[in-house]
Amino acid sequence: MTEKQKEIFLFIQNYFKSEGVMPRQIDIANHFGVTQQTCKYHLDKIQKRGWITRLPGLSRSISLNLDSFHPLN
């Protein structure tokens, strides 16, 4: 897991705590100054690790899997 992917996961968690809704992919991309394609790449990797789940084609469909989050991995 890259440092950027850990940062993205923590951003998603903090965004939900402060806004009450999950961020959209564009929200994440804009926050980190990356393209949506790059953001999707990182979200795909995070999802493969089991840290999040997403429903294809739906906005704000990220769910956090906090039991699977191990930032040292």
N, C-alpha and C. Protein backbone atom coordinates (compact mmCIF):
# COMPACT_ATOMS: atom_id res chain seq x y z
N MET A 1 0.86 -1.18 0.00
CA MET A 1 0.00 0.00 0.00
C MET A 1 0.89 1.23 0.00
N THR A 2 0.59 2.13 -0.90
CA THR A 2 1.40 3.34 -0.99
C THR A 2 0.93 4.38 0.03
N GLU A 3 1.78 5.33 0.31
CA GLU A 3 1.43 6.41 1.22
C GLU A 3 0.22 7.19 0.69
N LYS A 4 0.18 7.41 -0.62
CA LYS A 4 -0.95 8.13 -1.23
C LYS A 4 -2.26 7.38 -1.00
N GLN A 5 -2.24 6.06 -1.12
CA GLN A 5 -3.45 5.28 -0.92
C GLN A 5 -3.91 5.34 0.53
N LYS A 6 -2.97 5.34 1.47
CA LYS A 6 -3.33 5.51 2.88
C LYS A 6 -3.95 6.88 3.10
N GLU A 7 -3.35 7.90 2.48
CA GLU A 7 -3.88 9.26 2.60
C GLU A 7 -5.29 9.36 2.03
N ILE A 8 -5.53 8.71 0.91
CA ILE A 8 -6.86 8.72 0.29
C ILE A 8 -7.87 8.05 1.21
N PHE A 9 -7.51 6.90 1.77
CA PHE A 9 -8.42 6.21 2.68
C PHE A 9 -8.76 7.10 3.88
N LEU A 10 -7.75 7.72 4.47
CA LEU A 10 -7.99 8.59 5.62
C LEU A 10 -8.81 9.82 5.23
N PHE A 11 -8.59 10.34 4.01
CA PHE A 11 -9.39 11.46 3.53
C PHE A 11 -10.86 11.06 3.43
N ILE A 12 -11.13 9.88 2.88
CA ILE A 12 -12.51 9.40 2.76
C ILE A 12 -13.14 9.31 4.15
N GLN A 13 -12.41 8.76 5.09
CA GLN A 13 -12.92 8.62 6.45
C GLN A 13 -13.22 9.98 7.08
N ASN A 14 -12.29 10.92 6.94
CA ASN A 14 -12.46 12.26 7.52
C ASN A 14 -13.56 13.05 6.81
N TYR A 15 -13.65 12.89 5.50
CA TYR A 15 -14.70 13.57 4.73
C TYR A 15 -16.07 13.13 5.23
N PHE A 16 -16.23 11.82 5.42
CA PHE A 16 -17.51 11.31 5.90
C PHE A 16 -17.83 11.85 7.30
N LYS A 17 -16.83 11.90 8.16
CA LYS A 17 -17.04 12.42 9.52
C LYS A 17 -17.46 13.89 9.49
N SER A 18 -16.85 14.67 8.62
CA SER A 18 -17.14 16.11 8.61
C SER A 18 -18.36 16.48 7.77
N GLU A 19 -18.62 15.77 6.68
CA GLU A 19 -19.70 16.12 5.76
C GLU A 19 -20.96 15.27 5.92
N GLY A 20 -20.81 14.11 6.51
CA GLY A 20 -21.97 13.23 6.69
C GLY A 20 -22.33 12.41 5.48
N VAL A 21 -21.58 12.54 4.41
CA VAL A 21 -21.75 11.74 3.19
C VAL A 21 -20.37 11.33 2.69
N MET A 22 -20.35 10.29 1.89
CA MET A 22 -19.08 9.86 1.30
C MET A 22 -18.69 10.81 0.17
N PRO A 23 -17.39 11.00 -0.04
CA PRO A 23 -16.96 11.85 -1.15
C PRO A 23 -17.18 11.16 -2.49
N ARG A 24 -17.36 11.98 -3.51
CA ARG A 24 -17.39 11.45 -4.88
C ARG A 24 -15.95 11.30 -5.34
N GLN A 25 -15.76 10.54 -6.38
CA GLN A 25 -14.42 10.35 -6.93
C GLN A 25 -13.81 11.70 -7.31
N ILE A 26 -14.61 12.60 -7.86
CA ILE A 26 -14.09 13.91 -8.25
C ILE A 26 -13.67 14.73 -7.03
N ASP A 27 -14.37 14.56 -5.91
CA ASP A 27 -13.98 15.25 -4.67
C ASP A 27 -12.59 14.79 -4.22
N ILE A 28 -12.37 13.50 -4.30
CA ILE A 28 -11.07 12.95 -3.90
C ILE A 28 -9.99 13.42 -4.86
N ALA A 29 -10.26 13.34 -6.15
CA ALA A 29 -9.28 13.76 -7.16
C ALA A 29 -8.92 15.23 -6.98
N ASN A 30 -9.92 16.08 -6.78
CA ASN A 30 -9.65 17.51 -6.60
C ASN A 30 -8.85 17.78 -5.34
N HIS A 31 -9.17 17.08 -4.26
CA HIS A 31 -8.44 17.29 -3.01
C HIS A 31 -6.95 16.98 -3.16
N PHE A 32 -6.65 15.91 -3.90
CA PHE A 32 -5.26 15.49 -4.04
C PHE A 32 -4.58 16.05 -5.30
N GLY A 33 -5.32 16.80 -6.10
CA GLY A 33 -4.73 17.40 -7.29
C GLY A 33 -4.33 16.38 -8.34
N VAL A 34 -5.14 15.33 -8.47
CA VAL A 34 -4.86 14.29 -9.46
C VAL A 34 -6.06 14.18 -10.40
N THR A 35 -5.87 13.48 -11.49
CA THR A 35 -6.98 13.25 -12.43
C THR A 35 -7.93 12.21 -11.85
N GLN A 36 -9.13 12.18 -12.40
CA GLN A 36 -10.08 11.15 -11.96
C GLN A 36 -9.57 9.75 -12.31
N GLN A 37 -8.84 9.65 -13.40
CA GLN A 37 -8.26 8.35 -13.80
C GLN A 37 -7.27 7.87 -12.74
N THR A 38 -6.41 8.78 -12.27
CA THR A 38 -5.44 8.43 -11.24
C THR A 38 -6.15 8.09 -9.94
N CYS A 39 -7.18 8.86 -9.62
CA CYS A 39 -7.97 8.60 -8.42
C CYS A 39 -8.60 7.22 -8.51
N LYS A 40 -9.18 6.88 -9.64
CA LYS A 40 -9.80 5.57 -9.83
C LYS A 40 -8.78 4.46 -9.65
N TYR A 41 -7.58 4.65 -10.17
CA TYR A 41 -6.50 3.67 -10.01
C TYR A 41 -6.26 3.40 -8.53
N HIS A 42 -6.12 4.47 -7.75
CA HIS A 42 -5.86 4.31 -6.32
C HIS A 42 -7.06 3.67 -5.61
N LEU A 43 -8.27 4.09 -5.95
CA LEU A 43 -9.46 3.49 -5.33
C LEU A 43 -9.57 2.01 -5.66
N ASP A 44 -9.22 1.63 -6.90
CA ASP A 44 -9.22 0.21 -7.28
C ASP A 44 -8.24 -0.58 -6.40
N LYS A 45 -7.05 -0.02 -6.19
CA LYS A 45 -6.04 -0.68 -5.36
C LYS A 45 -6.50 -0.79 -3.91
N ILE A 46 -7.10 0.28 -3.41
CA ILE A 46 -7.61 0.28 -2.03
C ILE A 46 -8.72 -0.76 -1.89
N GLN A 47 -9.58 -0.84 -2.90
CA GLN A 47 -10.66 -1.82 -2.87
C GLN A 47 -10.11 -3.24 -2.91
N LYS A 48 -9.08 -3.48 -3.70
CA LYS A 48 -8.47 -4.81 -3.77
C LYS A 48 -7.91 -5.23 -2.41
N ARG A 49 -7.43 -4.25 -1.62
CA ARG A 49 -6.91 -4.54 -0.29
C ARG A 49 -8.04 -4.83 0.70
N GLY A 50 -9.27 -4.55 0.30
CA GLY A 50 -10.41 -4.80 1.16
C GLY A 50 -10.74 -3.66 2.11
N TRP A 51 -10.11 -2.50 1.91
CA TRP A 51 -10.32 -1.35 2.80
C TRP A 51 -11.63 -0.64 2.50
N ILE A 52 -12.08 -0.72 1.24
CA ILE A 52 -13.35 -0.10 0.85
C ILE A 52 -14.09 -1.05 -0.07
N THR A 53 -15.38 -0.79 -0.21
CA THR A 53 -16.18 -1.42 -1.27
C THR A 53 -16.89 -0.29 -2.00
N ARG A 54 -17.16 -0.52 -3.29
CA ARG A 54 -17.86 0.47 -4.12
C ARG A 54 -18.88 -0.23 -4.98
N LEU A 55 -19.95 0.48 -5.27
CA LEU A 55 -20.95 -0.01 -6.21
C LEU A 55 -20.72 0.70 -7.54
N PRO A 56 -20.45 -0.05 -8.60
CA PRO A 56 -20.16 0.56 -9.91
C PRO A 56 -21.29 1.46 -10.39
N GLY A 57 -20.92 2.61 -10.92
CA GLY A 57 -21.87 3.51 -11.56
C GLY A 57 -22.68 4.38 -10.62
N LEU A 58 -22.47 4.25 -9.32
CA LEU A 58 -23.22 5.06 -8.36
C LEU A 58 -22.32 6.07 -7.68
N SER A 59 -22.79 7.31 -7.60
CA SER A 59 -22.05 8.35 -6.91
C SER A 59 -22.13 8.13 -5.40
N ARG A 60 -21.07 8.45 -4.72
CA ARG A 60 -20.98 8.35 -3.25
C ARG A 60 -21.26 6.94 -2.74
N SER A 61 -20.81 5.94 -3.48
CA SER A 61 -21.11 4.55 -3.12
C SER A 61 -19.97 3.87 -2.36
N ILE A 62 -18.99 4.63 -1.90
CA ILE A 62 -17.87 4.05 -1.16
C ILE A 62 -18.35 3.67 0.23
N SER A 63 -17.99 2.47 0.66
CA SER A 63 -18.20 2.03 2.04
C SER A 63 -16.85 1.69 2.62
N LEU A 64 -16.59 2.14 3.83
CA LEU A 64 -15.33 1.85 4.50
C LEU A 64 -15.41 0.50 5.21
N ASN A 65 -14.36 -0.26 5.10
CA ASN A 65 -14.24 -1.53 5.81
C ASN A 65 -13.16 -1.35 6.88
N LEU A 66 -13.53 -0.70 7.97
CA LEU A 66 -12.55 -0.33 8.99
C LEU A 66 -11.87 -1.53 9.62
N ASP A 67 -12.54 -2.67 9.66
CA ASP A 67 -11.91 -3.87 10.24
C ASP A 67 -10.75 -4.36 9.39
N SER A 68 -10.74 -4.01 8.11
CA SER A 68 -9.69 -4.45 7.20
C SER A 68 -8.54 -3.46 7.07
N PHE A 69 -8.71 -2.26 7.63
CA PHE A 69 -7.71 -1.20 7.46
C PHE A 69 -6.55 -1.42 8.40
N HIS A 70 -5.39 -1.70 7.81
CA HIS A 70 -4.14 -1.86 8.57
C HIS A 70 -3.10 -0.97 7.90
N PRO A 71 -2.91 0.26 8.40
CA PRO A 71 -2.07 1.24 7.70
C PRO A 71 -0.61 0.83 7.55
N LEU A 72 -0.15 -0.16 8.28
CA LEU A 72 1.24 -0.58 8.13
C LEU A 72 1.43 -1.59 7.01
N ASN A 73 0.33 -2.08 6.44
CA ASN A 73 0.43 -3.06 5.34
C ASN A 73 0.59 -2.36 4.02
